[in-house]
């Protein structure tokens, strides 16, 4: 492995993006993410995938400045117009973020895949990582969860339309305004909630920060309709794997159902920011997030002292 002192953030703490120092005043942030369709409409899929890719840069406290398309497409199986719509959805979402897409790469693949390489800029002293959480910090979440369960139900054509619409709205929303609020107020740590679920990404945060956490189940915002689908055991395989992985790292208060455990471990797409902020600044951040129009503004728990890095989930 090459050691380069200019690499300020690498893979060691499972952070959201890599950071490379260019000068005393400038660092670049780099990330890549792509996945298979989770909704039927190609344009909507493109927009969700782009929002998801941009989120990693926002979570690092950086400003995204450029994107590159990453595409897999079965050209002999599907009309090229579908690819055009996917790319248009991604381009329009990037335009909403003020980010030009300047190229990319496409390969022939058996199943459509789409996402972005995203580059951002940040001052080296202004990087927000997942490793700065401190005991006493308040945990704030900026989007409701449940998209993994809902999109699984969508594939089986059993998700109510209102639930589908709510999920698409959440996944399509940029984390730009929430990130701006975070930078305005000042926070200790941040990560975005994606494939490892709310508790999986919180686990990464507490491990990187050498702390523990407490989470209140009733305070976690959930997309309407998620719990009803979970009660029918509409659970994606990724969510089950998340739950199994966290078995030794999460302590569940007695009475928390299997279904609620699955929701907190649910693998998300284009989820919100999970922010660790000092109690002193928490009220100001909550107020700023409310004004920003974030899809959710929820104080879901706190960071605690715990050398074993356990997460305790409480009912209330």
C-alpha atoms as a PDB file:
ATOM      1  CA  UNK A   1       0.000   0.000   0.000  1.00  0.00           C
ATOM      2  CA  UNK A   2       1.281   3.481  -0.886  1.00  0.00           C
ATOM      3  CA  UNK A   3       1.380   5.920   2.017  1.00  0.00           C
ATOM      4  CA  UNK A   4       0.732   9.486   0.932  1.00  0.00           C
ATOM      5  CA  UNK A   5       0.444  12.206   3.610  1.00  0.00           C
ATOM      6  CA  UNK A   6      -1.798  14.188   1.266  1.00  0.00           C
ATOM      7  CA  UNK A   7      -4.518  11.534   1.625  1.00  0.00           C
ATOM      8  CA  UNK A   8      -6.492  13.082   4.469  1.00  0.00           C
ATOM      9  CA  UNK A   9      -9.337  10.551   4.428  1.00  0.00           C
ATOM     10  CA  UNK A  10      -9.028   7.035   3.032  1.00  0.00           C
ATOM     11  CA  UNK A  11     -10.898   3.790   3.597  1.00  0.00           C
ATOM     12  CA  UNK A  12      -9.705   3.153   7.157  1.00  0.00           C
ATOM     13  CA  UNK A  13     -12.781   4.555   8.942  1.00  0.00           C
ATOM     14  CA  UNK A  14     -15.317   3.521   6.269  1.00  0.00           C
ATOM     15  CA  UNK A  15     -16.021   7.181   5.570  1.00  0.00           C
ATOM     16  CA  UNK A  16     -18.261   8.397   2.759  1.00  0.00           C
ATOM     17  CA  UNK A  17     -15.587   9.676   0.362  1.00  0.00           C
ATOM     18  CA  UNK A  18     -11.837   9.999  -0.068  1.00  0.00           C
ATOM     19  CA  UNK A  19     -10.147  13.353   0.532  1.00  0.00           C
ATOM     20  CA  UNK A  20      -6.827  14.457  -0.999  1.00  0.00           C
ATOM     21  CA  UNK A  21      -5.042  17.651   0.059  1.00  0.00           C
ATOM     22  CA  UNK A  22      -3.962  19.878  -2.829  1.00  0.00           C
ATOM     23  CA  UNK A  23      -2.754  22.851  -0.781  1.00  0.00           C
ATOM     24  CA  UNK A  24      -3.124  24.379   2.664  1.00  0.00           C
ATOM     25  CA  UNK A  25      -6.421  25.880   1.520  1.00  0.00           C
ATOM     26  CA  UNK A  26      -7.837  23.214  -0.785  1.00  0.00           C
ATOM     27  CA  UNK A  27      -8.642  19.509  -0.818  1.00  0.00           C
ATOM     28  CA  UNK A  28     -10.570  17.417  -3.320  1.00  0.00           C
ATOM     29  CA  UNK A  29     -13.267  14.945  -2.301  1.00  0.00           C
ATOM     30  CA  UNK A  30     -13.871  11.954  -4.535  1.00  0.00           C
ATOM     31  CA  UNK A  31     -16.546   9.242  -4.494  1.00  0.00           C
ATOM     32  CA  UNK A  32     -18.315   6.784  -6.802  1.00  0.00           C
ATOM     33  CA  UNK A  33     -21.645   4.998  -6.442  1.00  0.00           C
ATOM     34  CA  UNK A  34     -23.983   3.194  -8.824  1.00  0.00           C
ATOM     35  CA  UNK A  35     -26.687   0.528  -8.648  1.00  0.00           C
ATOM     36  CA  UNK A  36     -29.431  -1.301 -10.534  1.00  0.00           C
ATOM     37  CA  UNK A  37     -32.922   0.214 -11.014  1.00  0.00           C
ATOM     38  CA  UNK A  38     -35.079   0.442  -7.908  1.00  0.00           C
ATOM     39  CA  UNK A  39     -38.066   2.103  -9.629  1.00  0.00           C
ATOM     40  CA  UNK A  40     -39.682   1.382 -12.983  1.00  0.00           C
ATOM     41  CA  UNK A  41     -39.458   4.869 -14.479  1.00  0.00           C
ATOM     42  CA  UNK A  42     -35.998   5.349 -16.091  1.00  0.00           C
ATOM     43  CA  UNK A  43     -35.945   9.135 -15.629  1.00  0.00           C
ATOM     44  CA  UNK A  44     -36.798   8.844 -11.920  1.00  0.00           C
ATOM     45  CA  UNK A  45     -34.185   6.109 -11.479  1.00  0.00           C
ATOM     46  CA  UNK A  46     -31.527   8.366 -13.000  1.00  0.00           C
ATOM     47  CA  UNK A  47     -32.424  11.213 -10.663  1.00  0.00           C
ATOM     48  CA  UNK A  48     -32.376   9.010  -7.554  1.00  0.00           C
ATOM     49  CA  UNK A  49     -29.019   7.484  -8.511  1.00  0.00           C
ATOM     50  CA  UNK A  50     -27.493  10.926  -9.026  1.00  0.00           C
ATOM     51  CA  UNK A  51     -28.863  12.236  -5.717  1.00  0.00           C
ATOM     52  CA  UNK A  52     -27.448   9.164  -3.994  1.00  0.00           C
ATOM     53  CA  UNK A  53     -23.989   9.691  -5.506  1.00  0.00           C
ATOM     54  CA  UNK A  54     -23.897  13.385  -4.640  1.00  0.00           C
ATOM     55  CA  UNK A  55     -24.848  12.636  -1.044  1.00  0.00           C
ATOM     56  CA  UNK A  56     -21.418  11.258  -0.135  1.00  0.00           C
ATOM     57  CA  UNK A  57     -19.796  14.596  -0.967  1.00  0.00           C
ATOM     58  CA  UNK A  58     -22.397  16.549   0.997  1.00  0.00           C
ATOM     59  CA  UNK A  59     -21.821  14.268   4.007  1.00  0.00           C
ATOM     60  CA  UNK A  60     -18.130  15.222   4.005  1.00  0.00           C
ATOM     61  CA  UNK A  61     -18.953  18.920   4.248  1.00  0.00           C
ATOM     62  CA  UNK A  62     -17.772  19.513   0.681  1.00  0.00           C
ATOM     63  CA  UNK A  63     -19.192  21.272  -2.369  1.00  0.00           C
ATOM     64  CA  UNK A  64     -19.645  18.965  -5.372  1.00  0.00           C
ATOM     65  CA  UNK A  65     -18.297  20.552  -8.556  1.00  0.00           C
ATOM     66  CA  UNK A  66     -18.293  17.846 -11.244  1.00  0.00           C
ATOM     67  CA  UNK A  67     -19.716  14.424 -12.066  1.00  0.00           C
ATOM     68  CA  UNK A  68     -18.963  11.566 -14.456  1.00  0.00           C
ATOM     69  CA  UNK A  69     -21.576   9.019 -15.520  1.00  0.00           C
ATOM     70  CA  UNK A  70     -20.981   5.336 -14.755  1.00  0.00           C
ATOM     71  CA  UNK A  71     -23.305   3.188 -16.876  1.00  0.00           C
ATOM     72  CA  UNK A  72     -23.989  -0.469 -17.581  1.00  0.00           C
ATOM     73  CA  UNK A  73     -26.684  -1.136 -20.165  1.00  0.00           C
ATOM     74  CA  UNK A  74     -27.960  -4.156 -22.159  1.00  0.00           C
ATOM     75  CA  UNK A  75     -28.025  -2.433 -25.541  1.00  0.00           C
ATOM     76  CA  UNK A  76     -29.305  -5.503 -27.385  1.00  0.00           C
ATOM     77  CA  UNK A  77     -32.135  -6.167 -24.920  1.00  0.00           C
ATOM     78  CA  UNK A  78     -33.588  -2.734 -24.137  1.00  0.00           C
ATOM     79  CA  UNK A  79     -34.384   0.312 -26.299  1.00  0.00           C
ATOM     80  CA  UNK A  80     -31.689   2.971 -26.171  1.00  0.00           C
ATOM     81  CA  UNK A  81     -34.378   5.515 -25.317  1.00  0.00           C
ATOM     82  CA  UNK A  82     -34.445   4.004 -21.824  1.00  0.00           C
ATOM     83  CA  UNK A  83     -30.756   4.825 -21.450  1.00  0.00           C
ATOM     84  CA  UNK A  84     -31.410   8.340 -22.723  1.00  0.00           C
ATOM     85  CA  UNK A  85     -34.089   8.827 -20.057  1.00  0.00           C
ATOM     86  CA  UNK A  86     -31.813   7.496 -17.289  1.00  0.00           C
ATOM     87  CA  UNK A  87     -29.045   9.874 -18.296  1.00  0.00           C
ATOM     88  CA  UNK A  88     -31.472  12.775 -18.585  1.00  0.00           C
ATOM     89  CA  UNK A  89     -32.775  12.074 -15.070  1.00  0.00           C
ATOM     90  CA  UNK A  90     -29.229  12.067 -13.716  1.00  0.00           C
ATOM     91  CA  UNK A  91     -28.307  15.198 -15.621  1.00  0.00           C
ATOM     92  CA  UNK A  92     -31.355  17.110 -14.392  1.00  0.00           C
ATOM     93  CA  UNK A  93     -30.705  16.124 -10.773  1.00  0.00           C
ATOM     94  CA  UNK A  94     -27.054  17.154 -11.088  1.00  0.00           C
ATOM     95  CA  UNK A  95     -28.185  20.446 -12.635  1.00  0.00           C
ATOM     96  CA  UNK A  96     -30.452  20.982  -9.604  1.00  0.00           C
ATOM     97  CA  UNK A  97     -27.329  20.584  -7.474  1.00  0.00           C
ATOM     98  CA  UNK A  98     -25.393  23.016  -9.676  1.00  0.00           C
ATOM     99  CA  UNK A  99     -23.044  20.253 -10.820  1.00  0.00           C
ATOM    100  CA  UNK A 100     -22.076  19.674 -14.476  1.00  0.00           C
ATOM    101  CA  UNK A 101     -21.755  16.104 -15.741  1.00  0.00           C
ATOM    102  CA  UNK A 102     -18.709  16.253 -17.983  1.00  0.00           C
ATOM    103  CA  UNK A 103     -18.507  12.723 -19.392  1.00  0.00           C
ATOM    104  CA  UNK A 104     -18.337   9.170 -18.161  1.00  0.00           C
ATOM    105  CA  UNK A 105     -18.065   5.566 -19.270  1.00  0.00           C
ATOM    106  CA  UNK A 106     -20.605   3.010 -20.526  1.00  0.00           C
ATOM    107  CA  UNK A 107     -20.268  -0.755 -20.832  1.00  0.00           C
ATOM    108  CA  UNK A 108     -22.592  -3.435 -22.200  1.00  0.00           C
ATOM    109  CA  UNK A 109     -24.135  -5.258 -19.234  1.00  0.00           C
ATOM    110  CA  UNK A 110     -26.898  -7.781 -18.643  1.00  0.00           C
ATOM    111  CA  UNK A 111     -28.784  -5.397 -16.333  1.00  0.00           C
ATOM    112  CA  UNK A 112     -28.979  -1.593 -16.325  1.00  0.00           C
ATOM    113  CA  UNK A 113     -26.752   0.139 -13.800  1.00  0.00           C
ATOM    114  CA  UNK A 114     -26.244   3.852 -13.259  1.00  0.00           C
ATOM    115  CA  UNK A 115     -24.505   6.265 -10.934  1.00  0.00           C
ATOM    116  CA  UNK A 116     -21.851   8.930 -10.771  1.00  0.00           C
ATOM    117  CA  UNK A 117     -18.255   9.589  -9.930  1.00  0.00           C
ATOM    118  CA  UNK A 118     -18.455  12.901  -8.061  1.00  0.00           C
ATOM    119  CA  UNK A 119     -15.658  15.324  -7.238  1.00  0.00           C
ATOM    120  CA  UNK A 120     -16.024  18.043  -4.648  1.00  0.00           C
ATOM    121  CA  UNK A 121     -13.935  20.729  -2.980  1.00  0.00           C
ATOM    122  CA  UNK A 122     -13.417  21.457   0.699  1.00  0.00           C
ATOM    123  CA  UNK A 123     -10.977  23.357   2.895  1.00  0.00           C
ATOM    124  CA  UNK A 124      -8.709  20.827   4.648  1.00  0.00           C
ATOM    125  CA  UNK A 125      -9.774  22.260   8.007  1.00  0.00           C
ATOM    126  CA  UNK A 126     -13.466  22.042   7.108  1.00  0.00           C
ATOM    127  CA  UNK A 127     -13.787  18.322   6.377  1.00  0.00           C
ATOM    128  CA  UNK A 128     -16.639  16.614   8.219  1.00  0.00           C
ATOM    129  CA  UNK A 129     -15.869  12.941   8.825  1.00  0.00           C
ATOM    130  CA  UNK A 130     -17.678  10.122  10.614  1.00  0.00           C
ATOM    131  CA  UNK A 131     -14.955   9.936  13.277  1.00  0.00           C
ATOM    132  CA  UNK A 132     -15.497  13.136  15.277  1.00  0.00           C
ATOM    133  CA  UNK A 133     -18.557  12.246  17.362  1.00  0.00           C
ATOM    134  CA  UNK A 134     -18.191  13.094  21.056  1.00  0.00           C
ATOM    135  CA  UNK A 135     -20.022  11.833  24.161  1.00  0.00           C
ATOM    136  CA  UNK A 136     -22.962  14.111  24.840  1.00  0.00           C
ATOM    137  CA  UNK A 137     -23.543  14.897  21.158  1.00  0.00           C
ATOM    138  CA  UNK A 138     -27.091  14.821  19.834  1.00  0.00           C
ATOM    139  CA  UNK A 139     -27.861  12.585  16.825  1.00  0.00           C
ATOM    140  CA  UNK A 140     -30.015  14.195  14.135  1.00  0.00           C
ATOM    141  CA  UNK A 141     -31.452  12.505  11.028  1.00  0.00           C
ATOM    142  CA  UNK A 142     -32.599  14.473   7.959  1.00  0.00           C
ATOM    143  CA  UNK A 143     -34.670  11.913   6.002  1.00  0.00           C
ATOM    144  CA  UNK A 144     -37.134   9.229   7.082  1.00  0.00           C
ATOM    145  CA  UNK A 145     -36.124   5.596   6.565  1.00  0.00           C
ATOM    146  CA  UNK A 146     -37.828   2.606   4.959  1.00  0.00           C
ATOM    147  CA  UNK A 147     -36.858   2.816   1.288  1.00  0.00           C
ATOM    148  CA  UNK A 148     -35.335  -0.677   1.175  1.00  0.00           C
ATOM    149  CA  UNK A 149     -38.508  -2.337   2.412  1.00  0.00           C
ATOM    150  CA  UNK A 150     -40.686  -0.171   0.171  1.00  0.00           C
ATOM    151  CA  UNK A 151     -38.694  -0.734  -3.022  1.00  0.00           C
ATOM    152  CA  UNK A 152     -38.731  -4.477  -2.333  1.00  0.00           C
ATOM    153  CA  UNK A 153     -42.517  -4.288  -2.081  1.00  0.00           C
ATOM    154  CA  UNK A 154     -42.566  -2.269  -5.316  1.00  0.00           C
ATOM    155  CA  UNK A 155     -40.781  -5.100  -7.131  1.00  0.00           C
ATOM    156  CA  UNK A 156     -43.491  -7.476  -5.931  1.00  0.00           C
ATOM    157  CA  UNK A 157     -46.164  -4.933  -6.945  1.00  0.00           C
ATOM    158  CA  UNK A 158     -47.699  -4.835  -3.461  1.00  0.00           C
ATOM    159  CA  UNK A 159     -46.667  -1.371  -2.249  1.00  0.00           C
ATOM    160  CA  UNK A 160     -49.529   1.145  -1.908  1.00  0.00           C
ATOM    161  CA  UNK A 161     -49.169   4.022  -4.356  1.00  0.00           C
ATOM    162  CA  UNK A 162     -49.063   6.636  -1.596  1.00  0.00           C
ATOM    163  CA  UNK A 163     -46.172   4.776   0.028  1.00  0.00           C
ATOM    164  CA  UNK A 164     -44.374   4.494  -3.314  1.00  0.00           C
ATOM    165  CA  UNK A 165     -44.805   8.220  -3.981  1.00  0.00           C
ATOM    166  CA  UNK A 166     -43.522   9.142  -0.521  1.00  0.00           C
ATOM    167  CA  UNK A 167     -40.481   6.879  -0.946  1.00  0.00           C
ATOM    168  CA  UNK A 168     -39.601   8.285  -4.376  1.00  0.00           C
ATOM    169  CA  UNK A 169     -39.867  11.827  -3.027  1.00  0.00           C
ATOM    170  CA  UNK A 170     -37.473  10.996  -0.186  1.00  0.00           C
ATOM    171  CA  UNK A 171     -34.935   9.246  -2.422  1.00  0.00           C
ATOM    172  CA  UNK A 172     -35.018  12.007  -5.041  1.00  0.00           C
ATOM    173  CA  UNK A 173     -34.340  14.789  -2.541  1.00  0.00           C
ATOM    174  CA  UNK A 174     -30.830  16.225  -2.474  1.00  0.00           C
ATOM    175  CA  UNK A 175     -28.993  16.527   0.842  1.00  0.00           C
ATOM    176  CA  UNK A 176     -27.629  19.871  -0.309  1.00  0.00           C
ATOM    177  CA  UNK A 177     -29.693  22.125   1.966  1.00  0.00           C
ATOM    178  CA  UNK A 178     -29.152  19.883   4.989  1.00  0.00           C
ATOM    179  CA  UNK A 179     -25.402  19.957   4.365  1.00  0.00           C
ATOM    180  CA  UNK A 180     -25.455  23.742   4.117  1.00  0.00           C
ATOM    181  CA  UNK A 181     -27.238  23.925   7.491  1.00  0.00           C
ATOM    182  CA  UNK A 182     -24.684  21.543   8.970  1.00  0.00           C
ATOM    183  CA  UNK A 183     -21.792  23.707   7.775  1.00  0.00           C
ATOM    184  CA  UNK A 184     -23.458  26.923   8.890  1.00  0.00           C
ATOM    185  CA  UNK A 185     -23.947  25.721  12.476  1.00  0.00           C
ATOM    186  CA  UNK A 186     -20.889  23.483  12.887  1.00  0.00           C
ATOM    187  CA  UNK A 187     -21.053  19.778  13.755  1.00  0.00           C
ATOM    188  CA  UNK A 188     -18.697  17.085  15.027  1.00  0.00           C
ATOM    189  CA  UNK A 189     -19.434  14.190  12.652  1.00  0.00           C
ATOM    190  CA  UNK A 190     -21.671  13.167   9.784  1.00  0.00           C
ATOM    191  CA  UNK A 191     -22.434  10.268   7.475  1.00  0.00           C
ATOM    192  CA  UNK A 192     -25.190   9.597   4.974  1.00  0.00           C
ATOM    193  CA  UNK A 193     -27.536   6.659   5.498  1.00  0.00           C
ATOM    194  CA  UNK A 194     -27.406   4.220   2.586  1.00  0.00           C
ATOM    195  CA  UNK A 195     -26.860   0.488   2.111  1.00  0.00           C
ATOM    196  CA  UNK A 196     -25.827  -0.419   5.656  1.00  0.00           C
ATOM    197  CA  UNK A 197     -28.986   1.129   7.091  1.00  0.00           C
ATOM    198  CA  UNK A 198     -29.387   3.644   9.905  1.00  0.00           C
ATOM    199  CA  UNK A 199     -27.780   1.457  12.561  1.00  0.00           C
ATOM    200  CA  UNK A 200     -25.067   0.163  10.233  1.00  0.00           C
ATOM    201  CA  UNK A 201     -23.835   3.642   9.412  1.00  0.00           C
ATOM    202  CA  UNK A 202     -24.180   4.714  13.049  1.00  0.00           C
ATOM    203  CA  UNK A 203     -22.054   1.676  13.932  1.00  0.00           C
ATOM    204  CA  UNK A 204     -19.350   2.948  11.581  1.00  0.00           C
ATOM    205  CA  UNK A 205     -19.559   6.374  13.231  1.00  0.00           C
ATOM    206  CA  UNK A 206     -19.255   5.148  16.807  1.00  0.00           C
ATOM    207  CA  UNK A 207     -16.428   2.745  15.908  1.00  0.00           C
ATOM    208  CA  UNK A 208     -14.496   5.489  14.128  1.00  0.00           C
ATOM    209  CA  UNK A 209     -15.141   7.874  17.041  1.00  0.00           C
ATOM    210  CA  UNK A 210     -14.454   5.310  19.815  1.00  0.00           C
ATOM    211  CA  UNK A 211     -17.820   6.000  21.436  1.00  0.00           C
ATOM    212  CA  UNK A 212     -21.220   4.380  21.832  1.00  0.00           C
ATOM    213  CA  UNK A 213     -24.729   5.601  21.073  1.00  0.00           C
ATOM    214  CA  UNK A 214     -28.310   5.463  22.271  1.00  0.00           C
ATOM    215  CA  UNK A 215     -31.186   5.594  19.781  1.00  0.00           C
ATOM    216  CA  UNK A 216     -34.877   6.089  20.575  1.00  0.00           C
ATOM    217  CA  UNK A 217     -37.037   3.922  18.303  1.00  0.00           C
ATOM    218  CA  UNK A 218     -40.085   6.168  18.607  1.00  0.00           C
ATOM    219  CA  UNK A 219     -38.084   9.232  17.515  1.00  0.00           C
ATOM    220  CA  UNK A 220     -36.778   7.718  14.273  1.00  0.00           C
ATOM    221  CA  UNK A 221     -38.797   9.080  11.306  1.00  0.00           C
ATOM    222  CA  UNK A 222     -40.228   6.305   9.119  1.00  0.00           C
ATOM    223  CA  UNK A 223     -41.866   6.670   5.703  1.00  0.00           C
ATOM    224  CA  UNK A 224     -45.631   6.040   6.103  1.00  0.00           C
ATOM    225  CA  UNK A 225     -46.511   2.504   5.093  1.00  0.00           C
ATOM    226  CA  UNK A 226     -43.107   1.004   5.933  1.00  0.00           C
ATOM    227  CA  UNK A 227     -44.176  -0.640   9.168  1.00  0.00           C
ATOM    228  CA  UNK A 228     -47.219  -2.245   7.554  1.00  0.00           C
ATOM    229  CA  UNK A 229     -44.998  -3.773   4.851  1.00  0.00           C
ATOM    230  CA  UNK A 230     -42.480  -4.942   7.461  1.00  0.00           C
ATOM    231  CA  UNK A 231     -45.330  -6.590   9.365  1.00  0.00           C
ATOM    232  CA  UNK A 232     -45.928  -8.635   6.212  1.00  0.00           C
ATOM    233  CA  UNK A 233     -42.220  -9.576   6.305  1.00  0.00           C
ATOM    234  CA  UNK A 234     -41.400  -7.692   3.106  1.00  0.00           C
ATOM    235  CA  UNK A 235     -37.721  -7.511   4.028  1.00  0.00           C
ATOM    236  CA  UNK A 236     -34.873  -7.165   1.472  1.00  0.00           C
ATOM    237  CA  UNK A 237     -31.907  -9.523   1.718  1.00  0.00           C
ATOM    238  CA  UNK A 238     -29.523  -6.605   2.330  1.00  0.00           C
ATOM    239  CA  UNK A 239     -31.538  -5.567   5.379  1.00  0.00           C
ATOM    240  CA  UNK A 240     -31.391  -9.098   6.785  1.00  0.00           C
ATOM    241  CA  UNK A 241     -27.611  -9.142   6.293  1.00  0.00           C
ATOM    242  CA  UNK A 242     -27.310  -5.758   8.042  1.00  0.00           C
ATOM    243  CA  UNK A 243     -29.265  -7.103  11.009  1.00  0.00           C
ATOM    244  CA  UNK A 244     -27.105 -10.225  11.208  1.00  0.00           C
ATOM    245  CA  UNK A 245     -23.878  -8.199  11.039  1.00  0.00           C
ATOM    246  CA  UNK A 246     -25.018  -5.899  13.849  1.00  0.00           C
ATOM    247  CA  UNK A 247     -25.980  -8.765  16.165  1.00  0.00           C
ATOM    248  CA  UNK A 248     -22.894  -8.281  18.365  1.00  0.00           C
ATOM    249  CA  UNK A 249     -22.952  -4.484  18.174  1.00  0.00           C
ATOM    250  CA  UNK A 250     -26.543  -3.505  19.009  1.00  0.00           C
ATOM    251  CA  UNK A 251     -28.376  -4.007  22.310  1.00  0.00           C
ATOM    252  CA  UNK A 252     -32.150  -3.995  21.823  1.00  0.00           C
ATOM    253  CA  UNK A 253     -34.382  -3.004  24.712  1.00  0.00           C
ATOM    254  CA  UNK A 254     -36.847  -5.734  25.590  1.00  0.00           C
ATOM    255  CA  UNK A 255     -40.101  -5.397  23.668  1.00  0.00           C
ATOM    256  CA  UNK A 256     -38.683  -4.066  20.394  1.00  0.00           C
ATOM    257  CA  UNK A 257     -40.169  -6.272  17.698  1.00  0.00           C
ATOM    258  CA  UNK A 258     -38.285  -8.100  14.952  1.00  0.00           C
ATOM    259  CA  UNK A 259     -40.039  -5.899  12.399  1.00  0.00           C
ATOM    260  CA  UNK A 260     -38.919  -2.679  14.092  1.00  0.00           C
ATOM    261  CA  UNK A 261     -35.385  -4.029  14.319  1.00  0.00           C
ATOM    262  CA  UNK A 262     -35.464  -4.673  10.578  1.00  0.00           C
ATOM    263  CA  UNK A 263     -36.650  -1.132   9.863  1.00  0.00           C
ATOM    264  CA  UNK A 264     -33.718   0.357  11.787  1.00  0.00           C
ATOM    265  CA  UNK A 265     -31.363  -1.945   9.835  1.00  0.00           C
ATOM    266  CA  UNK A 266     -33.120  -1.388   6.497  1.00  0.00           C
ATOM    267  CA  UNK A 267     -30.747  -0.880   3.561  1.00  0.00           C
ATOM    268  CA  UNK A 268     -31.464   2.616   2.255  1.00  0.00           C
ATOM    269  CA  UNK A 269     -31.025   4.289  -1.103  1.00  0.00           C
ATOM    270  CA  UNK A 270     -30.270   8.025  -1.147  1.00  0.00           C
ATOM    271  CA  UNK A 271     -30.973   8.373   2.561  1.00  0.00           C
ATOM    272  CA  UNK A 272     -30.533  11.393   4.757  1.00  0.00           C
ATOM    273  CA  UNK A 273     -27.611  12.766   6.710  1.00  0.00           C
ATOM    274  CA  UNK A 274     -26.960  11.353  10.173  1.00  0.00           C
ATOM    275  CA  UNK A 275     -25.333  14.198  12.089  1.00  0.00           C
ATOM    276  CA  UNK A 276     -23.562  14.240  15.456  1.00  0.00           C
ATOM    277  CA  UNK A 277     -23.712  17.749  16.900  1.00  0.00           C
ATOM    278  CA  UNK A 278     -22.895  19.196  20.309  1.00  0.00           C
ATOM    279  CA  UNK A 279     -25.880  19.683  22.586  1.00  0.00           C
ATOM    280  CA  UNK A 280     -25.036  23.397  22.617  1.00  0.00           C
ATOM    281  CA  UNK A 281     -25.502  23.664  18.837  1.00  0.00           C
ATOM    282  CA  UNK A 282     -28.293  21.121  18.446  1.00  0.00           C
ATOM    283  CA  UNK A 283     -31.223  23.532  18.804  1.00  0.00           C
ATOM    284  CA  UNK A 284     -29.714  25.912  16.232  1.00  0.00           C
ATOM    285  CA  UNK A 285     -29.133  23.039  13.809  1.00  0.00           C
ATOM    286  CA  UNK A 286     -32.672  21.744  14.213  1.00  0.00           C
ATOM    287  CA  UNK A 287     -34.033  25.233  13.538  1.00  0.00           C
ATOM    288  CA  UNK A 288     -31.833  25.662  10.467  1.00  0.00           C
ATOM    289  CA  UNK A 289     -32.842  22.249   9.102  1.00  0.00           C
ATOM    290  CA  UNK A 290     -36.512  23.118   9.558  1.00  0.00           C
ATOM    291  CA  UNK A 291     -36.009  26.284   7.516  1.00  0.00           C
ATOM    292  CA  UNK A 292     -34.086  24.363   4.845  1.00  0.00           C
ATOM    293  CA  UNK A 293     -37.049  22.104   4.133  1.00  0.00           C
ATOM    294  CA  UNK A 294     -35.229  18.858   4.922  1.00  0.00           C
ATOM    295  CA  UNK A 295     -37.499  15.800   4.413  1.00  0.00           C
ATOM    296  CA  UNK A 296     -37.168  15.050   8.145  1.00  0.00           C
ATOM    297  CA  UNK A 297     -35.748  16.877  11.126  1.00  0.00           C
ATOM    298  CA  UNK A 298     -35.465  14.358  13.931  1.00  0.00           C
ATOM    299  CA  UNK A 299     -33.432  14.190  17.112  1.00  0.00           C
ATOM    300  CA  UNK A 300     -33.123  10.404  17.359  1.00  0.00           C
ATOM    301  CA  UNK A 301     -30.603   9.854  20.145  1.00  0.00           C
ATOM    302  CA  UNK A 302     -27.206  10.759  21.480  1.00  0.00           C
ATOM    303  CA  UNK A 303     -23.552   9.746  21.574  1.00  0.00           C
ATOM    304  CA  UNK A 304     -22.385   8.197  24.856  1.00  0.00           C
ATOM    305  CA  UNK A 305     -19.114   7.034  26.368  1.00  0.00           C
ATOM    306  CA  UNK A 306     -18.585   3.369  25.557  1.00  0.00           C
ATOM    307  CA  UNK A 307     -15.224   1.809  24.718  1.00  0.00           C
ATOM    308  CA  UNK A 308     -17.021  -1.256  23.299  1.00  0.00           C
ATOM    309  CA  UNK A 309     -18.801   0.972  20.721  1.00  0.00           C
ATOM    310  CA  UNK A 310     -22.212  -0.542  21.412  1.00  0.00           C
ATOM    311  CA  UNK A 311     -25.467   0.973  20.157  1.00  0.00           C
ATOM    312  CA  UNK A 312     -28.382   0.697  22.577  1.00  0.00           C
ATOM    313  CA  UNK A 313     -31.815   0.980  21.013  1.00  0.00           C
ATOM    314  CA  UNK A 314     -34.521   2.105  23.410  1.00  0.00           C
ATOM    315  CA  UNK A 315     -38.263   1.981  22.807  1.00  0.00           C
ATOM    316  CA  UNK A 316     -38.809   5.590  23.967  1.00  0.00           C
END
